[in-house]
Amino acid sequence: MAAAPKAEGRRTRAEQRAATVKTILDTAEDLFAQLGYFGVTIKDVADRMGIHPALIHYYFDGKKALFDAVFERRVEYAVTTRTAGLDAYEAEVGDHPTVEGALRCYYDQAFDVYINGDEGWRNFGRIFAQVNNAPGYGAEKMDTYFDPLVLRLVGLLKKALPDAAPEDLFWSFQFTSGAYSLILSRTGRIDRLSGGLCASDDFQAVRERFVTFMAGGFDALYRRRKS
């Protein structure tokens, strides 16, 4: 006898579990983005959801495991996107990259995620900025997920500026990374400073300016060293 069809609207236990985990992660992501890792407790997440903290502990072994899950569910896509950008650019230019082209293939794809994605992605951006600026656990996560990509980018920059001092290239990347983290933080400060001319969540405006500005810094430092 054929199995009876599943009643419309009823979810399997696996579907219920997946939905619960997603809600926990979404809620935790919003709180971590607003308050930071140390400003959030498991109870805060549970209270926001209207559930008992024991339910969160059932799925996650403490706050660090919850934070790791929040970070890791989006970071792999972020890495994949940047990797694809680097692959496409290297295939296109071979051994003849430019500074602006190299930076654009690394950063433009990332900004596109925040332009086209939902608020969850913008929350992840704030969390990424926290991790990128944190010693200890933050540095470990950057080492694991992003250092190979950064070294590929620096390799392209060395080809673009073959007689540049290597330390200048690494310092210049550090400056771009710091600016990128500040942008993802969306503090609202530029809104107030500019009297509303600029908005910290206007990633399209940032995308139109960021790489051109940063490439100018690379080139200026290079020319100064050469002279």
C-alpha atoms as a PDB file:
ATOM      1  CA  MET A   1       0.000   0.000   0.000  1.00  0.00           C
ATOM      2  CA  ALA A   2       1.295   3.416  -0.903  1.00  0.00           C
ATOM      3  CA  ALA A   3       2.253   5.660   1.974  1.00  0.00           C
ATOM      4  CA  ALA A   4      -0.300   8.283   2.881  1.00  0.00           C
ATOM      5  CA  PRO A   5       0.708  11.758   1.663  1.00  0.00           C
ATOM      6  CA  LYS A   6       2.025  14.136   4.292  1.00  0.00           C
ATOM      7  CA  ALA A   7      -0.706  16.399   5.580  1.00  0.00           C
ATOM      8  CA  GLU A   8      -0.467  19.886   4.126  1.00  0.00           C
ATOM      9  CA  GLY A   9       1.220  22.250   6.558  1.00  0.00           C
ATOM     10  CA  ARG A  10       2.733  19.521   8.766  1.00  0.00           C
ATOM     11  CA  ARG A  11       6.500  19.530   9.068  1.00  0.00           C
ATOM     12  CA  THR A  12       8.791  16.616   9.730  1.00  0.00           C
ATOM     13  CA  ARG A  13      10.942  16.597  12.856  1.00  0.00           C
ATOM     14  CA  ALA A  14      13.978  17.411  10.725  1.00  0.00           C
ATOM     15  CA  GLU A  15      12.172  20.405   9.240  1.00  0.00           C
ATOM     16  CA  GLN A  16      11.071  21.565  12.692  1.00  0.00           C
ATOM     17  CA  ARG A  17      14.626  21.229  13.979  1.00  0.00           C
ATOM     18  CA  ALA A  18      16.034  23.166  11.012  1.00  0.00           C
ATOM     19  CA  ALA A  19      13.458  25.929  11.487  1.00  0.00           C
ATOM     20  CA  THR A  20      14.241  26.192  15.206  1.00  0.00           C
ATOM     21  CA  VAL A  21      17.982  26.320  14.621  1.00  0.00           C
ATOM     22  CA  LYS A  22      17.551  28.989  11.944  1.00  0.00           C
ATOM     23  CA  THR A  23      15.453  31.135  14.284  1.00  0.00           C
ATOM     24  CA  ILE A  24      18.043  30.779  17.036  1.00  0.00           C
ATOM     25  CA  LEU A  25      20.845  31.752  14.655  1.00  0.00           C
ATOM     26  CA  ASP A  26      18.910  34.691  13.201  1.00  0.00           C
ATOM     27  CA  THR A  27      18.096  35.999  16.677  1.00  0.00           C
ATOM     28  CA  ALA A  28      21.631  35.536  17.972  1.00  0.00           C
ATOM     29  CA  GLU A  29      23.052  37.153  14.838  1.00  0.00           C
ATOM     30  CA  ASP A  30      20.967  40.279  15.388  1.00  0.00           C
ATOM     31  CA  LEU A  31      21.997  40.509  19.046  1.00  0.00           C
ATOM     32  CA  PHE A  32      25.690  39.853  18.419  1.00  0.00           C
ATOM     33  CA  ALA A  33      25.657  42.473  15.657  1.00  0.00           C
ATOM     34  CA  GLN A  34      24.159  45.090  17.980  1.00  0.00           C
ATOM     35  CA  LEU A  35      25.891  44.270  21.273  1.00  0.00           C
ATOM     36  CA  GLY A  36      29.019  42.294  20.423  1.00  0.00           C
ATOM     37  CA  TYR A  37      30.100  38.879  21.615  1.00  0.00           C
ATOM     38  CA  PHE A  38      30.630  39.899  25.228  1.00  0.00           C
ATOM     39  CA  GLY A  39      27.384  41.856  25.412  1.00  0.00           C
ATOM     40  CA  VAL A  40      25.123  38.878  24.712  1.00  0.00           C
ATOM     41  CA  THR A  41      24.182  35.858  26.816  1.00  0.00           C
ATOM     42  CA  ILE A  42      22.300  32.690  25.966  1.00  0.00           C
ATOM     43  CA  LYS A  43      19.496  34.010  28.164  1.00  0.00           C
ATOM     44  CA  ASP A  44      19.323  37.189  26.072  1.00  0.00           C
ATOM     45  CA  VAL A  45      18.768  35.114  22.942  1.00  0.00           C
ATOM     46  CA  ALA A  46      16.187  32.948  24.671  1.00  0.00           C
ATOM     47  CA  ASP A  47      14.341  35.958  26.075  1.00  0.00           C
ATOM     48  CA  ARG A  48      14.214  37.579  22.629  1.00  0.00           C
ATOM     49  CA  MET A  49      12.693  34.352  21.258  1.00  0.00           C
ATOM     50  CA  GLY A  50      10.368  33.787  24.210  1.00  0.00           C
ATOM     51  CA  ILE A  51      11.790  30.345  24.974  1.00  0.00           C
ATOM     52  CA  HIS A  52      13.697  28.685  27.820  1.00  0.00           C
ATOM     53  CA  PRO A  53      17.519  28.890  27.586  1.00  0.00           C
ATOM     54  CA  ALA A  54      17.645  25.102  27.876  1.00  0.00           C
ATOM     55  CA  LEU A  55      16.340  24.823  24.315  1.00  0.00           C
ATOM     56  CA  ILE A  56      19.324  26.777  22.984  1.00  0.00           C
ATOM     57  CA  HIS A  57      21.700  24.675  25.088  1.00  0.00           C
ATOM     58  CA  TYR A  58      20.089  21.593  23.536  1.00  0.00           C
ATOM     59  CA  TYR A  59      21.344  22.701  20.106  1.00  0.00           C
ATOM     60  CA  PHE A  60      24.518  24.605  21.024  1.00  0.00           C
ATOM     61  CA  ASP A  61      27.153  23.846  23.631  1.00  0.00           C
ATOM     62  CA  GLY A  62      27.366  27.323  25.106  1.00  0.00           C
ATOM     63  CA  LYS A  63      27.701  30.869  23.776  1.00  0.00           C
ATOM     64  CA  LYS A  64      30.978  30.337  21.903  1.00  0.00           C
ATOM     65  CA  ALA A  65      29.489  27.440  19.939  1.00  0.00           C
ATOM     66  CA  LEU A  66      26.471  29.603  19.138  1.00  0.00           C
ATOM     67  CA  PHE A  67      28.648  32.508  18.007  1.00  0.00           C
ATOM     68  CA  ASP A  68      30.783  30.181  15.884  1.00  0.00           C
ATOM     69  CA  ALA A  69      27.671  28.798  14.204  1.00  0.00           C
ATOM     70  CA  VAL A  70      26.372  32.311  13.501  1.00  0.00           C
ATOM     71  CA  PHE A  71      29.684  33.304  11.944  1.00  0.00           C
ATOM     72  CA  GLU A  72      30.327  30.120  10.011  1.00  0.00           C
ATOM     73  CA  ARG A  73      26.962  29.801   8.303  1.00  0.00           C
ATOM     74  CA  ARG A  74      27.723  32.914   6.198  1.00  0.00           C
ATOM     75  CA  VAL A  75      31.509  33.113   6.117  1.00  0.00           C
ATOM     76  CA  GLU A  76      31.922  30.184   3.738  1.00  0.00           C
ATOM     77  CA  TYR A  77      29.784  31.916   1.132  1.00  0.00           C
ATOM     78  CA  ALA A  78      31.785  35.105   1.659  1.00  0.00           C
ATOM     79  CA  VAL A  79      35.024  33.184   1.104  1.00  0.00           C
ATOM     80  CA  THR A  80      33.617  31.384  -1.936  1.00  0.00           C
ATOM     81  CA  THR A  81      32.521  34.667  -3.494  1.00  0.00           C
ATOM     82  CA  ARG A  82      35.916  36.298  -3.060  1.00  0.00           C
ATOM     83  CA  THR A  83      37.694  33.197  -4.290  1.00  0.00           C
ATOM     84  CA  ALA A  84      35.581  33.254  -7.449  1.00  0.00           C
ATOM     85  CA  GLY A  85      36.447  36.923  -7.956  1.00  0.00           C
ATOM     86  CA  LEU A  86      40.168  36.250  -7.630  1.00  0.00           C
ATOM     87  CA  ASP A  87      39.959  33.216  -9.929  1.00  0.00           C
ATOM     88  CA  ALA A  88      38.132  35.166 -12.635  1.00  0.00           C
ATOM     89  CA  TYR A  89      40.500  38.127 -12.430  1.00  0.00           C
ATOM     90  CA  GLU A  90      43.650  36.011 -12.573  1.00  0.00           C
ATOM     91  CA  ALA A  91      42.261  34.082 -15.547  1.00  0.00           C
ATOM     92  CA  GLU A  92      41.549  37.383 -17.303  1.00  0.00           C
ATOM     93  CA  VAL A  93      44.808  39.265 -16.707  1.00  0.00           C
ATOM     94  CA  GLY A  94      47.395  36.540 -16.174  1.00  0.00           C
ATOM     95  CA  ASP A  95      50.664  38.115 -15.066  1.00  0.00           C
ATOM     96  CA  HIS A  96      49.547  41.672 -15.746  1.00  0.00           C
ATOM     97  CA  PRO A  97      47.201  42.775 -12.935  1.00  0.00           C
ATOM     98  CA  THR A  98      46.731  46.357 -11.833  1.00  0.00           C
ATOM     99  CA  VAL A  99      46.429  47.599  -8.274  1.00  0.00           C
ATOM    100  CA  GLU A 100      42.864  48.799  -8.814  1.00  0.00           C
ATOM    101  CA  GLY A 101      41.891  45.637 -10.646  1.00  0.00           C
ATOM    102  CA  ALA A 102      43.266  43.416  -7.897  1.00  0.00           C
ATOM    103  CA  LEU A 103      41.522  45.385  -5.154  1.00  0.00           C
ATOM    104  CA  ARG A 104      38.291  45.476  -7.126  1.00  0.00           C
ATOM    105  CA  CYS A 105      38.145  41.715  -7.588  1.00  0.00           C
ATOM    106  CA  TYR A 106      38.679  41.314  -3.828  1.00  0.00           C
ATOM    107  CA  TYR A 107      36.317  43.964  -2.460  1.00  0.00           C
ATOM    108  CA  ASP A 108      33.598  44.609  -5.035  1.00  0.00           C
ATOM    109  CA  GLN A 109      32.177  41.091  -4.758  1.00  0.00           C
ATOM    110  CA  ALA A 110      32.035  41.520  -0.985  1.00  0.00           C
ATOM    111  CA  PHE A 111      30.163  44.820  -1.193  1.00  0.00           C
ATOM    112  CA  ASP A 112      27.695  43.281  -3.639  1.00  0.00           C
ATOM    113  CA  VAL A 113      26.627  40.819  -0.930  1.00  0.00           C
ATOM    114  CA  TYR A 114      25.737  43.662   1.424  1.00  0.00           C
ATOM    115  CA  ILE A 115      24.034  45.654  -1.331  1.00  0.00           C
ATOM    116  CA  ASN A 116      21.872  42.790  -2.570  1.00  0.00           C
ATOM    117  CA  GLY A 117      21.518  40.721   0.599  1.00  0.00           C
ATOM    118  CA  ASP A 118      19.026  40.992   3.431  1.00  0.00           C
ATOM    119  CA  GLU A 119      19.467  42.500   6.890  1.00  0.00           C
ATOM    120  CA  GLY A 120      20.970  39.223   8.064  1.00  0.00           C
ATOM    121  CA  TRP A 121      23.938  39.797   5.778  1.00  0.00           C
ATOM    122  CA  ARG A 122      24.369  43.327   7.057  1.00  0.00           C
ATOM    123  CA  ASN A 123      24.289  41.953  10.609  1.00  0.00           C
ATOM    124  CA  PHE A 124      26.969  39.487   9.590  1.00  0.00           C
ATOM    125  CA  GLY A 125      29.002  42.416   8.287  1.00  0.00           C
ATOM    126  CA  ARG A 126      29.009  43.975  11.732  1.00  0.00           C
ATOM    127  CA  ILE A 127      30.009  40.653  13.281  1.00  0.00           C
ATOM    128  CA  PHE A 128      32.782  40.270  10.706  1.00  0.00           C
ATOM    129  CA  ALA A 129      34.067  43.719  11.650  1.00  0.00           C
ATOM    130  CA  GLN A 130      34.134  42.703  15.318  1.00  0.00           C
ATOM    131  CA  VAL A 131      36.030  39.512  14.530  1.00  0.00           C
ATOM    132  CA  ASN A 132      38.461  41.281  12.202  1.00  0.00           C
ATOM    133  CA  ASN A 133      39.420  43.696  14.984  1.00  0.00           C
ATOM    134  CA  ALA A 134      39.617  41.213  17.862  1.00  0.00           C
ATOM    135  CA  PRO A 135      42.867  39.652  19.060  1.00  0.00           C
ATOM    136  CA  GLY A 136      42.788  36.013  20.047  1.00  0.00           C
ATOM    137  CA  TYR A 137      39.671  34.323  18.727  1.00  0.00           C
ATOM    138  CA  GLY A 138      39.226  36.956  16.020  1.00  0.00           C
ATOM    139  CA  ALA A 139      42.751  36.577  14.676  1.00  0.00           C
ATOM    140  CA  GLU A 140      42.313  32.803  14.676  1.00  0.00           C
ATOM    141  CA  LYS A 141      39.173  33.053  12.552  1.00  0.00           C
ATOM    142  CA  MET A 142      40.844  35.426  10.103  1.00  0.00           C
ATOM    143  CA  ASP A 143      43.820  33.049   9.894  1.00  0.00           C
ATOM    144  CA  THR A 144      41.532  30.132   9.136  1.00  0.00           C
ATOM    145  CA  TYR A 145      39.146  31.677   6.648  1.00  0.00           C
ATOM    146  CA  PHE A 146      40.779  34.700   5.052  1.00  0.00           C
ATOM    147  CA  ASP A 147      44.575  34.570   5.240  1.00  0.00           C
ATOM    148  CA  PRO A 148      44.934  32.400   2.098  1.00  0.00           C
ATOM    149  CA  LEU A 149      42.768  34.899   0.195  1.00  0.00           C
ATOM    150  CA  VAL A 150      44.711  37.876   1.526  1.00  0.00           C
ATOM    151  CA  LEU A 151      48.004  36.293   0.491  1.00  0.00           C
ATOM    152  CA  ARG A 152      46.602  35.689  -3.005  1.00  0.00           C
ATOM    153  CA  LEU A 153      45.633  39.357  -3.169  1.00  0.00           C
ATOM    154  CA  VAL A 154      49.071  40.474  -1.996  1.00  0.00           C
ATOM    155  CA  GLY A 155      50.584  38.204  -4.631  1.00  0.00           C
ATOM    156  CA  LEU A 156      48.577  40.028  -7.306  1.00  0.00           C
ATOM    157  CA  LEU A 157      49.645  43.380  -5.884  1.00  0.00           C
ATOM    158  CA  LYS A 158      53.301  42.295  -6.061  1.00  0.00           C
ATOM    159  CA  LYS A 159      52.810  41.526  -9.754  1.00  0.00           C
ATOM    160  CA  ALA A 160      51.180  44.907 -10.270  1.00  0.00           C
ATOM    161  CA  LEU A 161      54.007  46.702  -8.419  1.00  0.00           C
ATOM    162  CA  PRO A 162      56.945  44.291  -8.787  1.00  0.00           C
ATOM    163  CA  ASP A 163      59.567  46.605  -7.268  1.00  0.00           C
ATOM    164  CA  ALA A 164      57.402  47.793  -4.363  1.00  0.00           C
ATOM    165  CA  ALA A 165      58.665  47.168  -0.851  1.00  0.00           C
ATOM    166  CA  PRO A 166      56.803  44.070   0.425  1.00  0.00           C
ATOM    167  CA  GLU A 167      56.183  45.700   3.794  1.00  0.00           C
ATOM    168  CA  ASP A 168      54.459  48.613   2.047  1.00  0.00           C
ATOM    169  CA  LEU A 169      52.063  46.214   0.351  1.00  0.00           C
ATOM    170  CA  PHE A 170      51.184  44.497   3.621  1.00  0.00           C
ATOM    171  CA  TRP A 171      50.726  47.807   5.447  1.00  0.00           C
ATOM    172  CA  SER A 172      48.582  49.101   2.612  1.00  0.00           C
ATOM    173  CA  PHE A 173      46.386  46.018   2.792  1.00  0.00           C
ATOM    174  CA  GLN A 174      46.102  46.539   6.549  1.00  0.00           C
ATOM    175  CA  PHE A 175      44.819  50.063   5.945  1.00  0.00           C
ATOM    176  CA  THR A 176      42.205  48.838   3.453  1.00  0.00           C
ATOM    177  CA  SER A 177      41.109  46.091   5.842  1.00  0.00           C
ATOM    178  CA  GLY A 178      40.664  48.576   8.670  1.00  0.00           C
ATOM    179  CA  ALA A 179      38.581  50.908   6.516  1.00  0.00           C
ATOM    180  CA  TYR A 180      36.508  47.959   5.302  1.00  0.00           C
ATOM    181  CA  SER A 181      35.782  46.900   8.889  1.00  0.00           C
ATOM    182  CA  LEU A 182      34.702  50.418   9.852  1.00  0.00           C
ATOM    183  CA  ILE A 183      32.324  50.524   6.887  1.00  0.00           C
ATOM    184  CA  LEU A 184      30.767  47.180   7.817  1.00  0.00           C
ATOM    185  CA  SER A 185      30.272  48.404  11.390  1.00  0.00           C
ATOM    186  CA  ARG A 186      27.715  51.001  10.197  1.00  0.00           C
ATOM    187  CA  THR A 187      28.176  53.156  13.262  1.00  0.00           C
ATOM    188  CA  GLY A 188      26.143  56.073  11.890  1.00  0.00           C
ATOM    189  CA  ARG A 189      28.928  58.548  12.599  1.00  0.00           C
ATOM    190  CA  ILE A 190      29.369  59.638   8.991  1.00  0.00           C
ATOM    191  CA  ASP A 191      25.629  60.356   8.866  1.00  0.00           C
ATOM    192  CA  ARG A 192      25.997  62.875  11.687  1.00  0.00           C
ATOM    193  CA  LEU A 193      29.304  64.336  10.519  1.00  0.00           C
ATOM    194  CA  SER A 194      27.995  64.922   7.001  1.00  0.00           C
ATOM    195  CA  GLY A 195      24.663  66.313   8.142  1.00  0.00           C
ATOM    196  CA  GLY A 196      22.874  63.555   6.253  1.00  0.00           C
ATOM    197  CA  LEU A 197      24.864  63.833   3.003  1.00  0.00           C
ATOM    198  CA  CYS A 198      26.238  60.332   3.602  1.00  0.00           C
ATOM    199  CA  ALA A 199      24.652  57.248   5.154  1.00  0.00           C
ATOM    200  CA  SER A 200      26.692  54.521   6.809  1.00  0.00           C
ATOM    201  CA  ASP A 201      24.437  51.820   5.361  1.00  0.00           C
ATOM    202  CA  ASP A 202      24.781  53.100   1.775  1.00  0.00           C
ATOM    203  CA  PHE A 203      26.994  50.290   0.509  1.00  0.00           C
ATOM    204  CA  GLN A 204      26.402  51.304  -3.102  1.00  0.00           C
ATOM    205  CA  ALA A 205      27.994  54.692  -2.441  1.00  0.00           C
ATOM    206  CA  VAL A 206      30.883  52.960  -0.708  1.00  0.00           C
ATOM    207  CA  ARG A 207      31.369  50.515  -3.575  1.00  0.00           C
ATOM    208  CA  GLU A 208      31.599  53.377  -6.071  1.00  0.00           C
ATOM    209  CA  ARG A 209      34.444  55.011  -4.123  1.00  0.00           C
ATOM    210  CA  PHE A 210      36.277  52.485  -1.959  1.00  0.00           C
ATOM    211  CA  VAL A 211      38.607  50.752  -4.394  1.00  0.00           C
ATOM    212  CA  THR A 212      39.517  53.906  -6.311  1.00  0.00           C
ATOM    213  CA  PHE A 213      40.445  55.648  -3.059  1.00  0.00           C
ATOM    214  CA  MET A 214      42.461  52.705  -1.735  1.00  0.00           C
ATOM    215  CA  ALA A 215      44.279  52.148  -5.022  1.00  0.00           C
ATOM    216  CA  GLY A 216      45.320  55.806  -4.901  1.00  0.00           C
ATOM    217  CA  GLY A 217      46.881  55.160  -1.504  1.00  0.00           C
ATOM    218  CA  PHE A 218      48.853  52.175  -2.786  1.00  0.00           C
ATOM    219  CA  ASP A 219      50.114  54.186  -5.760  1.00  0.00           C
ATOM    220  CA  ALA A 220      51.001  57.246  -3.671  1.00  0.00           C
ATOM    221  CA  LEU A 221      53.027  55.197  -1.192  1.00  0.00           C
ATOM    222  CA  TYR A 222      54.747  53.403  -4.073  1.00  0.00           C
ATOM    223  CA  ARG A 223      55.669  56.651  -5.845  1.00  0.00           C
ATOM    224  CA  ARG A 224      56.926  58.189  -2.624  1.00  0.00           C
ATOM    225  CA  ARG A 225      59.169  55.218  -1.998  1.00  0.00           C
ATOM    226  CA  LYS A 226      60.465  55.304  -5.567  1.00  0.00           C
ATOM    227  CA  SER A 227      61.304  58.992  -5.351  1.00  0.00           C
END
